[in-house]
C-alpha atoms as a PDB file:
ATOM      1  CA  UNK A   1     -23.833  -5.759   5.083  1.00  0.00           C
ATOM      2  CA  UNK A   2     -21.593  -5.286   2.029  1.00  0.00           C
ATOM      3  CA  UNK A   3     -19.427  -8.158   1.416  1.00  0.00           C
ATOM      4  CA  UNK A   4     -15.606  -7.224   0.800  1.00  0.00           C
ATOM      5  CA  UNK A   5     -13.316  -9.770  -0.789  1.00  0.00           C
ATOM      6  CA  UNK A   6      -9.786  -9.270  -1.838  1.00  0.00           C
ATOM      7  CA  UNK A   7      -7.883 -11.500  -4.238  1.00  0.00           C
ATOM      8  CA  UNK A   8      -4.583 -11.454  -6.088  1.00  0.00           C
ATOM      9  CA  UNK A   9      -4.818 -10.189  -9.567  1.00  0.00           C
ATOM     10  CA  UNK A  10      -3.332 -12.948 -11.877  1.00  0.00           C
ATOM     11  CA  UNK A  11      -5.464 -13.713 -14.984  1.00  0.00           C
ATOM     12  CA  UNK A  12      -6.473 -11.781 -17.954  1.00  0.00           C
ATOM     13  CA  UNK A  13      -9.925 -11.227 -16.742  1.00  0.00           C
ATOM     14  CA  UNK A  14      -8.962  -9.896 -13.397  1.00  0.00           C
ATOM     15  CA  UNK A  15      -6.249  -7.606 -14.982  1.00  0.00           C
ATOM     16  CA  UNK A  16      -8.968  -6.062 -17.160  1.00  0.00           C
ATOM     17  CA  UNK A  17     -11.228  -5.441 -14.155  1.00  0.00           C
ATOM     18  CA  UNK A  18      -8.211  -3.938 -12.319  1.00  0.00           C
ATOM     19  CA  UNK A  19      -7.529  -1.750 -15.526  1.00  0.00           C
ATOM     20  CA  UNK A  20     -11.136  -0.571 -15.078  1.00  0.00           C
ATOM     21  CA  UNK A  21     -10.381   0.792 -11.623  1.00  0.00           C
ATOM     22  CA  UNK A  22      -7.219   2.440 -12.912  1.00  0.00           C
ATOM     23  CA  UNK A  23      -9.115   4.082 -15.612  1.00  0.00           C
ATOM     24  CA  UNK A  24     -11.915   5.414 -13.583  1.00  0.00           C
ATOM     25  CA  UNK A  25      -9.603   6.805 -10.705  1.00  0.00           C
ATOM     26  CA  UNK A  26      -6.194   7.649 -12.017  1.00  0.00           C
ATOM     27  CA  UNK A  27      -7.144   8.404 -15.672  1.00  0.00           C
ATOM     28  CA  UNK A  28     -10.648  10.009 -15.619  1.00  0.00           C
ATOM     29  CA  UNK A  29     -10.837  11.261 -11.895  1.00  0.00           C
ATOM     30  CA  UNK A  30      -7.314  12.164 -11.095  1.00  0.00           C
ATOM     31  CA  UNK A  31      -5.942  12.682 -14.584  1.00  0.00           C
ATOM     32  CA  UNK A  32      -2.525  11.547 -13.091  1.00  0.00           C
ATOM     33  CA  UNK A  33      -1.653   9.210 -16.091  1.00  0.00           C
ATOM     34  CA  UNK A  34      -2.043   9.341 -19.932  1.00  0.00           C
ATOM     35  CA  UNK A  35      -2.527   5.724 -20.614  1.00  0.00           C
ATOM     36  CA  UNK A  36      -4.199   2.756 -18.751  1.00  0.00           C
ATOM     37  CA  UNK A  37      -2.873  -0.499 -20.364  1.00  0.00           C
ATOM     38  CA  UNK A  38       0.797   0.118 -19.488  1.00  0.00           C
ATOM     39  CA  UNK A  39      -0.086   0.483 -15.869  1.00  0.00           C
ATOM     40  CA  UNK A  40      -0.422  -3.305 -15.194  1.00  0.00           C
ATOM     41  CA  UNK A  41       1.924  -5.852 -16.957  1.00  0.00           C
ATOM     42  CA  UNK A  42       0.486  -8.382 -19.257  1.00  0.00           C
ATOM     43  CA  UNK A  43       1.956 -11.341 -17.579  1.00  0.00           C
ATOM     44  CA  UNK A  44       1.121 -11.407 -13.845  1.00  0.00           C
ATOM     45  CA  UNK A  45       1.461 -14.856 -12.906  1.00  0.00           C
ATOM     46  CA  UNK A  46       5.204 -15.007 -13.190  1.00  0.00           C
ATOM     47  CA  UNK A  47       6.067 -11.516 -12.061  1.00  0.00           C
ATOM     48  CA  UNK A  48       8.044 -11.844  -8.906  1.00  0.00           C
ATOM     49  CA  UNK A  49       8.891  -8.222  -8.452  1.00  0.00           C
ATOM     50  CA  UNK A  50       5.199  -6.993  -8.106  1.00  0.00           C
ATOM     51  CA  UNK A  51       1.889  -8.367  -6.676  1.00  0.00           C
ATOM     52  CA  UNK A  52      -1.458  -6.622  -7.332  1.00  0.00           C
ATOM     53  CA  UNK A  53      -4.453  -7.068  -5.128  1.00  0.00           C
ATOM     54  CA  UNK A  54      -8.047  -6.160  -6.031  1.00  0.00           C
ATOM     55  CA  UNK A  55     -10.884  -5.715  -3.746  1.00  0.00           C
ATOM     56  CA  UNK A  56     -14.579  -6.384  -4.648  1.00  0.00           C
ATOM     57  CA  UNK A  57     -17.700  -5.163  -2.886  1.00  0.00           C
ATOM     58  CA  UNK A  58     -20.539  -7.604  -3.499  1.00  0.00           C
ATOM     59  CA  UNK A  59     -18.591  -8.968  -6.412  1.00  0.00           C
ATOM     60  CA  UNK A  60     -17.921  -5.342  -7.939  1.00  0.00           C
ATOM     61  CA  UNK A  61     -14.461  -4.167  -8.471  1.00  0.00           C
ATOM     62  CA  UNK A  62     -13.814  -1.583  -5.915  1.00  0.00           C
ATOM     63  CA  UNK A  63     -10.281  -0.996  -4.932  1.00  0.00           C
ATOM     64  CA  UNK A  64      -6.687  -1.838  -6.048  1.00  0.00           C
ATOM     65  CA  UNK A  65      -3.119  -1.894  -4.416  1.00  0.00           C
ATOM     66  CA  UNK A  66       0.211  -2.919  -5.934  1.00  0.00           C
ATOM     67  CA  UNK A  67       3.289  -4.263  -3.875  1.00  0.00           C
ATOM     68  CA  UNK A  68       6.683  -3.820  -5.339  1.00  0.00           C
ATOM     69  CA  UNK A  69       9.382  -5.775  -3.728  1.00  0.00           C
ATOM     70  CA  UNK A  70      12.866  -4.459  -2.803  1.00  0.00           C
ATOM     71  CA  UNK A  71      12.410  -0.888  -4.404  1.00  0.00           C
ATOM     72  CA  UNK A  72      15.422   1.252  -4.445  1.00  0.00           C
ATOM     73  CA  UNK A  73      15.555   3.543  -1.662  1.00  0.00           C
ATOM     74  CA  UNK A  74      17.627   6.217  -3.470  1.00  0.00           C
ATOM     75  CA  UNK A  75      15.048   8.050  -5.787  1.00  0.00           C
ATOM     76  CA  UNK A  76      16.392   9.691  -8.873  1.00  0.00           C
ATOM     77  CA  UNK A  77      17.979  13.179  -8.542  1.00  0.00           C
ATOM     78  CA  UNK A  78      15.398  14.617 -10.858  1.00  0.00           C
ATOM     79  CA  UNK A  79      12.589  13.760  -8.169  1.00  0.00           C
ATOM     80  CA  UNK A  80      14.189  16.597  -5.888  1.00  0.00           C
ATOM     81  CA  UNK A  81      14.002  14.549  -2.758  1.00  0.00           C
ATOM     82  CA  UNK A  82      14.548  15.933   0.684  1.00  0.00           C
ATOM     83  CA  UNK A  83      14.713  13.568   3.664  1.00  0.00           C
ATOM     84  CA  UNK A  84      13.725  14.550   7.225  1.00  0.00           C
ATOM     85  CA  UNK A  85      16.548  15.399   9.703  1.00  0.00           C
ATOM     86  CA  UNK A  86      18.146  12.198  10.824  1.00  0.00           C
ATOM     87  CA  UNK A  87      16.901  10.119   8.036  1.00  0.00           C
ATOM     88  CA  UNK A  88      19.587   8.123   5.954  1.00  0.00           C
ATOM     89  CA  UNK A  89      18.644   6.084   3.110  1.00  0.00           C
ATOM     90  CA  UNK A  90      21.702   3.794   3.724  1.00  0.00           C
ATOM     91  CA  UNK A  91      20.688   3.419   7.449  1.00  0.00           C
ATOM     92  CA  UNK A  92      17.207   2.481   6.289  1.00  0.00           C
ATOM     93  CA  UNK A  93      18.490  -0.349   4.351  1.00  0.00           C
ATOM     94  CA  UNK A  94      19.970  -2.054   7.415  1.00  0.00           C
ATOM     95  CA  UNK A  95      16.775  -1.798   9.259  1.00  0.00           C
ATOM     96  CA  UNK A  96      14.849  -4.370   7.288  1.00  0.00           C
ATOM     97  CA  UNK A  97      13.385  -5.478   3.981  1.00  0.00           C
ATOM     98  CA  UNK A  98      11.198  -2.972   2.130  1.00  0.00           C
ATOM     99  CA  UNK A  99       8.145  -3.363  -0.037  1.00  0.00           C
ATOM    100  CA  UNK A 100       6.644  -0.299  -1.659  1.00  0.00           C
ATOM    101  CA  UNK A 101       2.789   0.104  -1.768  1.00  0.00           C
ATOM    102  CA  UNK A 102       1.780   1.795  -4.917  1.00  0.00           C
ATOM    103  CA  UNK A 103      -1.221   2.360  -7.138  1.00  0.00           C
ATOM    104  CA  UNK A 104      -3.274   2.253  -4.073  1.00  0.00           C
ATOM    105  CA  UNK A 105      -6.921   3.511  -5.131  1.00  0.00           C
ATOM    106  CA  UNK A 106     -10.402   3.177  -4.112  1.00  0.00           C
ATOM    107  CA  UNK A 107     -13.271   3.909  -6.567  1.00  0.00           C
ATOM    108  CA  UNK A 108     -15.236   6.869  -5.449  1.00  0.00           C
ATOM    109  CA  UNK A 109     -18.476   5.250  -4.639  1.00  0.00           C
ATOM    110  CA  UNK A 110     -16.696   3.014  -2.239  1.00  0.00           C
ATOM    111  CA  UNK A 111     -14.773   5.528  -0.139  1.00  0.00           C
ATOM    112  CA  UNK A 112     -17.337   6.217   2.490  1.00  0.00           C
ATOM    113  CA  UNK A 113     -16.116   3.181   4.492  1.00  0.00           C
ATOM    114  CA  UNK A 114     -12.486   2.301   5.364  1.00  0.00           C
ATOM    115  CA  UNK A 115     -13.114  -1.550   4.933  1.00  0.00           C
ATOM    116  CA  UNK A 116     -12.053  -1.654   1.340  1.00  0.00           C
ATOM    117  CA  UNK A 117      -8.700   0.173   2.234  1.00  0.00           C
ATOM    118  CA  UNK A 118      -8.215  -2.110   5.317  1.00  0.00           C
ATOM    119  CA  UNK A 119      -8.990  -5.260   3.557  1.00  0.00           C
ATOM    120  CA  UNK A 120      -6.308  -4.456   0.749  1.00  0.00           C
ATOM    121  CA  UNK A 121      -3.884  -3.553   3.504  1.00  0.00           C
ATOM    122  CA  UNK A 122      -4.537  -6.681   5.377  1.00  0.00           C
ATOM    123  CA  UNK A 123      -3.889  -8.664   2.221  1.00  0.00           C
ATOM    124  CA  UNK A 124      -0.636  -6.591   1.653  1.00  0.00           C
ATOM    125  CA  UNK A 125       0.432  -7.298   5.394  1.00  0.00           C
ATOM    126  CA  UNK A 126      -0.043 -10.966   4.952  1.00  0.00           C
ATOM    127  CA  UNK A 127       1.819 -11.208   1.619  1.00  0.00           C
ATOM    128  CA  UNK A 128       4.847  -9.383   2.847  1.00  0.00           C
ATOM    129  CA  UNK A 129       5.095 -11.272   6.163  1.00  0.00           C
ATOM    130  CA  UNK A 130       4.781 -14.749   4.152  1.00  0.00           C
ATOM    131  CA  UNK A 131       7.735 -13.525   2.023  1.00  0.00           C
ATOM    132  CA  UNK A 132       9.785 -12.363   5.107  1.00  0.00           C
ATOM    133  CA  UNK A 133       9.701  -8.589   4.433  1.00  0.00           C
ATOM    134  CA  UNK A 134       9.482  -6.189   7.329  1.00  0.00           C
ATOM    135  CA  UNK A 135       8.729  -2.767   6.268  1.00  0.00           C
ATOM    136  CA  UNK A 136       6.417  -0.777   3.946  1.00  0.00           C
ATOM    137  CA  UNK A 137       7.497   2.315   2.040  1.00  0.00           C
ATOM    138  CA  UNK A 138       5.068   4.506   0.103  1.00  0.00           C
ATOM    139  CA  UNK A 139       4.274   8.037  -1.333  1.00  0.00           C
ATOM    140  CA  UNK A 140       1.029   9.928  -0.839  1.00  0.00           C
ATOM    141  CA  UNK A 141       0.273  13.383  -2.109  1.00  0.00           C
ATOM    142  CA  UNK A 142       0.189  16.358   0.312  1.00  0.00           C
ATOM    143  CA  UNK A 143      -3.084  18.334   0.122  1.00  0.00           C
ATOM    144  CA  UNK A 144      -4.709  16.333  -2.640  1.00  0.00           C
ATOM    145  CA  UNK A 145      -8.472  15.794  -2.360  1.00  0.00           C
ATOM    146  CA  UNK A 146      -9.017  12.264  -0.815  1.00  0.00           C
ATOM    147  CA  UNK A 147      -5.274  12.017   0.143  1.00  0.00           C
ATOM    148  CA  UNK A 148      -4.700   8.911   2.444  1.00  0.00           C
ATOM    149  CA  UNK A 149      -1.990  10.790   4.273  1.00  0.00           C
ATOM    150  CA  UNK A 150      -3.991  10.997   7.558  1.00  0.00           C
ATOM    151  CA  UNK A 151      -5.223   7.472   7.079  1.00  0.00           C
ATOM    152  CA  UNK A 152      -1.697   6.250   6.848  1.00  0.00           C
ATOM    153  CA  UNK A 153      -0.119   8.274   9.586  1.00  0.00           C
ATOM    154  CA  UNK A 154      -2.863   8.492  12.230  1.00  0.00           C
ATOM    155  CA  UNK A 155      -4.556   5.082  11.670  1.00  0.00           C
ATOM    156  CA  UNK A 156      -1.863   2.767  10.495  1.00  0.00           C
ATOM    157  CA  UNK A 157       1.102   4.382  12.070  1.00  0.00           C
ATOM    158  CA  UNK A 158       3.308   5.354   9.117  1.00  0.00           C
ATOM    159  CA  UNK A 159       6.125   7.807   9.775  1.00  0.00           C
ATOM    160  CA  UNK A 160       7.061  10.732   7.577  1.00  0.00           C
ATOM    161  CA  UNK A 161      10.759  10.260   6.282  1.00  0.00           C
ATOM    162  CA  UNK A 162      10.874  12.755   3.463  1.00  0.00           C
ATOM    163  CA  UNK A 163       9.281  14.406   0.370  1.00  0.00           C
ATOM    164  CA  UNK A 164       9.933  14.876  -3.197  1.00  0.00           C
ATOM    165  CA  UNK A 165       8.291  17.285  -5.917  1.00  0.00           C
ATOM    166  CA  UNK A 166       8.157  15.024  -8.847  1.00  0.00           C
ATOM    167  CA  UNK A 167       7.569  11.460  -9.755  1.00  0.00           C
ATOM    168  CA  UNK A 168       5.801   8.958 -12.246  1.00  0.00           C
ATOM    169  CA  UNK A 169       2.402  10.201 -11.857  1.00  0.00           C
ATOM    170  CA  UNK A 170       1.230  13.663 -13.370  1.00  0.00           C
ATOM    171  CA  UNK A 171       0.493  15.544 -10.140  1.00  0.00           C
ATOM    172  CA  UNK A 172       1.853  18.890  -9.076  1.00  0.00           C
ATOM    173  CA  UNK A 173       1.341  18.027  -5.203  1.00  0.00           C
ATOM    174  CA  UNK A 174       4.303  17.311  -3.058  1.00  0.00           C
ATOM    175  CA  UNK A 175       4.963  13.532  -2.441  1.00  0.00           C
ATOM    176  CA  UNK A 176       5.297  12.719   1.185  1.00  0.00           C
ATOM    177  CA  UNK A 177       7.518   9.498   1.777  1.00  0.00           C
ATOM    178  CA  UNK A 178       6.176   7.380   4.470  1.00  0.00           C
ATOM    179  CA  UNK A 179       7.574   4.248   6.122  1.00  0.00           C
ATOM    180  CA  UNK A 180       6.023   1.532   8.449  1.00  0.00           C
ATOM    181  CA  UNK A 181       7.817  -1.103  10.543  1.00  0.00           C
ATOM    182  CA  UNK A 182       5.124  -3.794  10.462  1.00  0.00           C
ATOM    183  CA  UNK A 183       6.240  -5.594  13.581  1.00  0.00           C
ATOM    184  CA  UNK A 184       6.697  -2.501  15.465  1.00  0.00           C
ATOM    185  CA  UNK A 185       3.169  -1.436  14.628  1.00  0.00           C
ATOM    186  CA  UNK A 186       1.883  -4.895  15.760  1.00  0.00           C
ATOM    187  CA  UNK A 187       3.924  -4.758  19.005  1.00  0.00           C
ATOM    188  CA  UNK A 188       2.165  -1.416  19.855  1.00  0.00           C
ATOM    189  CA  UNK A 189      -1.414  -2.367  19.140  1.00  0.00           C
ATOM    190  CA  UNK A 190      -1.482  -6.091  19.753  1.00  0.00           C
ATOM    191  CA  UNK A 191      -3.617  -5.568  22.817  1.00  0.00           C
ATOM    192  CA  UNK A 192      -5.815  -2.912  21.178  1.00  0.00           C
ATOM    193  CA  UNK A 193      -9.502  -3.211  21.088  1.00  0.00           C
ATOM    194  CA  UNK A 194      -9.689  -0.990  18.100  1.00  0.00           C
ATOM    195  CA  UNK A 195     -11.848  -2.423  15.184  1.00  0.00           C
ATOM    196  CA  UNK A 196      -9.545  -1.089  12.692  1.00  0.00           C
ATOM    197  CA  UNK A 197      -6.448  -2.876  14.155  1.00  0.00           C
ATOM    198  CA  UNK A 198      -8.388  -6.129  14.500  1.00  0.00           C
ATOM    199  CA  UNK A 199      -9.600  -5.837  10.949  1.00  0.00           C
ATOM    200  CA  UNK A 200      -6.054  -5.163   9.739  1.00  0.00           C
ATOM    201  CA  UNK A 201      -4.322  -8.058  11.515  1.00  0.00           C
ATOM    202  CA  UNK A 202      -7.296 -10.540  11.457  1.00  0.00           C
ATOM    203  CA  UNK A 203      -5.974 -14.114  11.034  1.00  0.00           C
ATOM    204  CA  UNK A 204      -2.248 -13.160  11.296  1.00  0.00           C
ATOM    205  CA  UNK A 205      -1.864 -13.246  15.107  1.00  0.00           C
ATOM    206  CA  UNK A 206       0.118 -16.457  14.876  1.00  0.00           C
ATOM    207  CA  UNK A 207       2.555 -15.413  12.271  1.00  0.00           C
ATOM    208  CA  UNK A 208       3.064 -12.040  13.876  1.00  0.00           C
ATOM    209  CA  UNK A 209       3.743 -13.443  17.371  1.00  0.00           C
ATOM    210  CA  UNK A 210       6.128 -15.947  15.945  1.00  0.00           C
ATOM    211  CA  UNK A 211       8.023 -13.290  14.253  1.00  0.00           C
ATOM    212  CA  UNK A 212       8.198 -11.394  17.539  1.00  0.00           C
ATOM    213  CA  UNK A 213       9.543 -14.452  19.119  1.00  0.00           C
ATOM    214  CA  UNK A 214       6.733 -14.354  21.615  1.00  0.00           C
ATOM    215  CA  UNK A 215       4.718 -17.600  22.231  1.00  0.00           C
ATOM    216  CA  UNK A 216       1.089 -17.664  20.958  1.00  0.00           C
ATOM    217  CA  UNK A 217      -1.296 -17.419  23.852  1.00  0.00           C
END
């Protein structure tokens, strides 16, 4: 069985490996960016606003995910944002502390199994819980080949809160805005026998139960 290991991208060597994933997926395959080097800062060790995680399969760089802490919930006017009925960004601010999931990419040869994506998400969940954040927010492209929209909504439980037509990446597809209340997800699936949910929350039962103020059994 393939071995999937996720680690935080901190050093220069890891950054170069991560940039290799960006080049393969976002530049060559998707053509969403014009340059690679600017996608990941040079100094990662002291960057408190972002965390980058890289997944390796049998030692080979396979996937990447970026966390951006305390993102602005009001997007620029030029993005042409539309929120779903009843969704108010000001109200969202009162619901919890948000972390944006971005630059979530898996190399083509590693997409046949969800394990790489799940391991990256597991590392992301653990990181935000340790930092006392409560919610994820992210964009996914509607109708784009290999779009993770169904994975996010059907598997992970993200909810659609809005959409926008323009953004940082050079893609003509509509961006769907999704949010996830992490503790609410755990509350709903804590007794599930699903392999996916066990994989997603493996090793985090104690901290999740503590945050729910329920004694660990």
